[in-house]
Amino acid sequence: MAVDADADTNLPETLGCENVKTIGDAKEYLQAEITKPKPEHPDMNKEAVLKSKIYEIIEEMPGYDLLVMGRPEVRMLLLCKQPSQGHHG
């Protein structure tokens, strides 16, 4: 599995992949779906939709699979902030 975590997404081009979808694209799709005034599926499970989109954007190539992060804000989405231990404030 090759993962391009650079916001500039140079790896797909280097590997000869064209028109690669990114996790940023999946995030935008999900954001658009949950902010629609009348969503098509109001009871959709956001985690399941995002997981499905990630499977869709993985490029399966001979010898490797490619996952591209894309936009810089995606990195922030994937980072987990640890809750402070013991103190609230």
N, C-alpha and C. Protein backbone atom coordinates (compact mmCIF):
# COMPACT_ATOMS: atom_id res chain seq x y z
N MET A 1 0.86 -1.17 0.00
CA MET A 1 0.00 0.00 0.00
C MET A 1 0.90 1.22 0.00
N ALA A 2 0.72 2.06 -1.00
CA ALA A 2 1.42 3.33 -1.07
C ALA A 2 0.43 4.42 -0.65
N VAL A 3 0.87 5.29 0.27
CA VAL A 3 0.01 6.37 0.74
C VAL A 3 0.69 7.70 0.44
N ASP A 4 0.00 8.54 -0.31
CA ASP A 4 0.51 9.88 -0.59
C ASP A 4 -0.15 10.84 0.39
N ALA A 5 0.59 11.21 1.43
CA ALA A 5 0.06 12.10 2.47
C ALA A 5 0.42 13.56 2.21
N ASP A 6 1.06 13.83 1.09
CA ASP A 6 1.44 15.19 0.72
C ASP A 6 0.25 15.90 0.10
N ALA A 7 -0.01 17.11 0.53
CA ALA A 7 -1.14 17.87 -0.01
C ALA A 7 -0.99 18.14 -1.50
N ASP A 8 0.25 18.12 -2.00
CA ASP A 8 0.49 18.36 -3.43
C ASP A 8 0.23 17.11 -4.28
N THR A 9 0.07 15.97 -3.67
CA THR A 9 -0.21 14.69 -4.34
C THR A 9 0.65 14.46 -5.57
N ASN A 10 1.95 14.33 -5.36
CA ASN A 10 2.89 14.08 -6.45
C ASN A 10 3.04 12.59 -6.77
N LEU A 11 2.78 11.74 -5.82
CA LEU A 11 3.03 10.31 -6.01
C LEU A 11 2.21 9.70 -7.14
N PRO A 12 0.91 9.99 -7.26
CA PRO A 12 0.15 9.37 -8.35
C PRO A 12 0.75 9.69 -9.73
N GLU A 13 1.14 10.92 -9.93
CA GLU A 13 1.74 11.32 -11.20
C GLU A 13 3.05 10.57 -11.44
N THR A 14 3.86 10.46 -10.39
CA THR A 14 5.12 9.76 -10.49
C THR A 14 4.91 8.29 -10.86
N LEU A 15 3.83 7.71 -10.33
CA LEU A 15 3.54 6.29 -10.60
C LEU A 15 2.76 6.09 -11.89
N GLY A 16 2.39 7.19 -12.55
CA GLY A 16 1.68 7.08 -13.82
C GLY A 16 0.18 6.95 -13.68
N CYS A 17 -0.36 7.28 -12.51
CA CYS A 17 -1.82 7.22 -12.29
C CYS A 17 -2.41 8.58 -12.66
N GLU A 18 -3.56 8.55 -13.33
CA GLU A 18 -4.22 9.80 -13.71
C GLU A 18 -5.62 9.85 -13.11
N ASN A 19 -6.11 11.06 -12.89
CA ASN A 19 -7.47 11.28 -12.38
C ASN A 19 -7.74 10.49 -11.09
N VAL A 20 -6.81 10.57 -10.17
CA VAL A 20 -6.93 9.85 -8.90
C VAL A 20 -7.83 10.63 -7.96
N LYS A 21 -8.77 9.96 -7.34
CA LYS A 21 -9.62 10.57 -6.31
C LYS A 21 -8.86 10.52 -4.99
N THR A 22 -9.20 11.45 -4.09
CA THR A 22 -8.48 11.56 -2.82
C THR A 22 -9.42 11.45 -1.63
N ILE A 23 -8.83 11.30 -0.46
CA ILE A 23 -9.62 11.32 0.76
C ILE A 23 -10.28 12.69 0.91
N GLY A 24 -9.62 13.73 0.41
CA GLY A 24 -10.22 15.06 0.40
C GLY A 24 -11.51 15.09 -0.40
N ASP A 25 -11.53 14.37 -1.52
CA ASP A 25 -12.75 14.28 -2.33
C ASP A 25 -13.85 13.57 -1.55
N ALA A 26 -13.48 12.49 -0.85
CA ALA A 26 -14.46 11.74 -0.05
C ALA A 26 -15.02 12.61 1.07
N LYS A 27 -14.15 13.41 1.69
CA LYS A 27 -14.58 14.31 2.76
C LYS A 27 -15.55 15.35 2.22
N GLU A 28 -15.24 15.91 1.05
CA GLU A 28 -16.13 16.90 0.45
C GLU A 28 -17.49 16.30 0.10
N TYR A 29 -17.49 15.08 -0.40
CA TYR A 29 -18.74 14.39 -0.73
C TYR A 29 -19.59 14.24 0.53
N LEU A 30 -18.97 13.74 1.59
CA LEU A 30 -19.70 13.52 2.84
C LEU A 30 -20.21 14.84 3.41
N GLN A 31 -19.39 15.87 3.38
CA GLN A 31 -19.79 17.19 3.87
C GLN A 31 -20.99 17.71 3.10
N ALA A 32 -20.96 17.54 1.78
CA ALA A 32 -22.07 17.99 0.94
C ALA A 32 -23.35 17.22 1.27
N GLU A 33 -23.23 15.93 1.50
CA GLU A 33 -24.39 15.11 1.80
C GLU A 33 -25.04 15.49 3.13
N ILE A 34 -24.21 15.74 4.15
CA ILE A 34 -24.79 16.00 5.48
C ILE A 34 -25.29 17.43 5.63
N THR A 35 -24.92 18.31 4.69
CA THR A 35 -25.38 19.69 4.80
C THR A 35 -26.52 20.02 3.82
N LYS A 36 -26.97 19.04 3.07
CA LYS A 36 -28.11 19.28 2.17
C LYS A 36 -29.34 19.62 2.99
N PRO A 37 -30.15 20.57 2.51
CA PRO A 37 -31.38 20.91 3.24
C PRO A 37 -32.32 19.70 3.38
N LYS A 38 -32.42 18.90 2.33
CA LYS A 38 -33.25 17.69 2.36
C LYS A 38 -32.40 16.52 1.88
N PRO A 39 -31.62 15.91 2.79
CA PRO A 39 -30.76 14.81 2.38
C PRO A 39 -31.56 13.64 1.82
N GLU A 40 -30.96 12.97 0.82
CA GLU A 40 -31.61 11.80 0.23
C GLU A 40 -31.74 10.67 1.25
N HIS A 41 -30.75 10.55 2.11
CA HIS A 41 -30.74 9.51 3.12
C HIS A 41 -30.49 10.13 4.49
N PRO A 42 -31.52 10.69 5.13
CA PRO A 42 -31.31 11.42 6.39
C PRO A 42 -30.78 10.54 7.53
N ASP A 43 -30.96 9.25 7.43
CA ASP A 43 -30.50 8.36 8.50
C ASP A 43 -29.18 7.68 8.15
N MET A 44 -28.45 8.22 7.17
CA MET A 44 -27.21 7.57 6.74
C MET A 44 -26.18 7.55 7.86
N ASN A 45 -25.41 6.49 7.87
CA ASN A 45 -24.34 6.32 8.83
C ASN A 45 -23.08 6.95 8.21
N LYS A 46 -22.65 8.08 8.76
CA LYS A 46 -21.53 8.83 8.19
C LYS A 46 -20.25 7.99 8.14
N GLU A 47 -20.02 7.20 9.17
CA GLU A 47 -18.82 6.36 9.19
C GLU A 47 -18.85 5.34 8.05
N ALA A 48 -20.00 4.72 7.83
CA ALA A 48 -20.12 3.73 6.77
C ALA A 48 -19.95 4.37 5.39
N VAL A 49 -20.52 5.57 5.20
CA VAL A 49 -20.40 6.26 3.92
C VAL A 49 -18.94 6.64 3.66
N LEU A 50 -18.26 7.18 4.66
CA LEU A 50 -16.86 7.57 4.49
C LEU A 50 -16.00 6.34 4.20
N LYS A 51 -16.24 5.27 4.93
CA LYS A 51 -15.48 4.03 4.71
C LYS A 51 -15.70 3.52 3.29
N SER A 52 -16.93 3.56 2.82
CA SER A 52 -17.25 3.14 1.46
C SER A 52 -16.52 3.99 0.44
N LYS A 53 -16.51 5.31 0.65
CA LYS A 53 -15.83 6.21 -0.26
C LYS A 53 -14.33 5.96 -0.29
N ILE A 54 -13.75 5.66 0.87
CA ILE A 54 -12.31 5.38 0.92
C ILE A 54 -12.00 4.13 0.11
N TYR A 55 -12.84 3.09 0.23
CA TYR A 55 -12.63 1.90 -0.59
C TYR A 55 -12.74 2.23 -2.07
N GLU A 56 -13.63 3.15 -2.43
CA GLU A 56 -13.79 3.54 -3.83
C GLU A 56 -12.56 4.27 -4.37
N ILE A 57 -11.88 5.05 -3.53
CA ILE A 57 -10.77 5.86 -4.02
C ILE A 57 -9.43 5.14 -3.99
N ILE A 58 -9.35 3.99 -3.36
CA ILE A 58 -8.09 3.23 -3.39
C ILE A 58 -7.86 2.75 -4.82
N GLU A 59 -6.72 3.13 -5.37
CA GLU A 59 -6.35 2.71 -6.72
C GLU A 59 -5.62 1.37 -6.60
N GLU A 60 -6.20 0.34 -7.17
CA GLU A 60 -5.58 -0.99 -7.14
C GLU A 60 -4.74 -1.15 -8.40
N MET A 61 -3.44 -1.21 -8.20
CA MET A 61 -2.50 -1.30 -9.31
C MET A 61 -1.75 -2.63 -9.20
N PRO A 62 -1.17 -3.10 -10.30
CA PRO A 62 -0.37 -4.32 -10.23
C PRO A 62 0.81 -4.13 -9.26
N GLY A 63 0.84 -4.88 -8.21
CA GLY A 63 1.95 -4.82 -7.26
C GLY A 63 1.76 -3.89 -6.07
N TYR A 64 0.78 -3.00 -6.13
CA TYR A 64 0.55 -2.09 -5.01
C TYR A 64 -0.84 -1.47 -5.12
N ASP A 65 -1.31 -0.94 -4.00
CA ASP A 65 -2.53 -0.14 -3.97
C ASP A 65 -2.11 1.28 -3.57
N LEU A 66 -2.84 2.26 -4.05
CA LEU A 66 -2.49 3.66 -3.80
C LEU A 66 -3.65 4.38 -3.13
N LEU A 67 -3.35 5.07 -2.04
CA LEU A 67 -4.33 5.89 -1.33
C LEU A 67 -3.76 7.30 -1.24
N VAL A 68 -4.53 8.29 -1.71
CA VAL A 68 -4.05 9.66 -1.76
C VAL A 68 -4.87 10.52 -0.80
N MET A 69 -4.17 11.24 0.07
CA MET A 69 -4.85 12.10 1.04
C MET A 69 -5.43 13.34 0.38
N GLY A 70 -4.62 14.06 -0.39
CA GLY A 70 -5.12 15.24 -1.08
C GLY A 70 -4.98 16.51 -0.29
N ARG A 71 -6.05 17.26 -0.17
CA ARG A 71 -6.06 18.60 0.40
C ARG A 71 -5.44 18.67 1.80
N PRO A 72 -4.82 19.81 2.14
CA PRO A 72 -4.16 19.96 3.43
C PRO A 72 -5.09 19.77 4.62
N GLU A 73 -6.36 20.17 4.50
CA GLU A 73 -7.26 20.05 5.65
C GLU A 73 -7.57 18.60 6.00
N VAL A 74 -7.31 17.68 5.07
CA VAL A 74 -7.56 16.26 5.34
C VAL A 74 -6.62 15.77 6.43
N ARG A 75 -5.39 16.27 6.42
CA ARG A 75 -4.44 15.87 7.46
C ARG A 75 -4.98 16.20 8.84
N MET A 76 -5.60 17.36 8.98
CA MET A 76 -6.17 17.76 10.26
C MET A 76 -7.34 16.84 10.63
N LEU A 77 -8.09 16.41 9.65
CA LEU A 77 -9.23 15.54 9.90
C LEU A 77 -8.76 14.19 10.44
N LEU A 78 -7.59 13.73 10.01
CA LEU A 78 -7.10 12.41 10.39
C LEU A 78 -6.29 12.41 11.68
N LEU A 79 -5.86 13.57 12.13
CA LEU A 79 -5.11 13.63 13.38
C LEU A 79 -6.07 13.54 14.56
N CYS A 80 -5.68 12.80 15.58
CA CYS A 80 -6.52 12.67 16.78
C CYS A 80 -5.89 13.47 17.91
N LYS A 81 -6.68 14.29 18.54
CA LYS A 81 -6.21 15.08 19.67
C LYS A 81 -6.48 14.31 20.94
N GLN A 82 -5.47 14.12 21.75
CA GLN A 82 -5.60 13.42 23.02
C GLN A 82 -6.26 14.33 24.04
N PRO A 83 -7.28 13.84 24.76
CA PRO A 83 -7.87 14.67 25.81
C PRO A 83 -6.85 14.89 26.93
N SER A 84 -6.92 16.06 27.56
CA SER A 84 -5.99 16.33 28.65
C SER A 84 -6.27 15.39 29.81
N GLN A 85 -5.23 14.98 30.47
CA GLN A 85 -5.32 14.03 31.57
C GLN A 85 -5.53 14.77 32.89
N GLY A 86 -6.64 14.56 33.54
CA GLY A 86 -6.85 15.05 34.89
C GLY A 86 -7.38 16.46 35.03
N HIS A 87 -7.02 17.37 34.16
CA HIS A 87 -7.46 18.76 34.31
C HIS A 87 -8.41 19.14 33.19
N HIS A 88 -9.40 19.89 33.50
CA HIS A 88 -10.31 20.45 32.50
C HIS A 88 -10.13 21.95 32.50
N GLY A 89 -10.07 22.55 31.35
CA GLY A 89 -9.92 23.97 31.45
C GLY A 89 -9.66 24.63 30.22
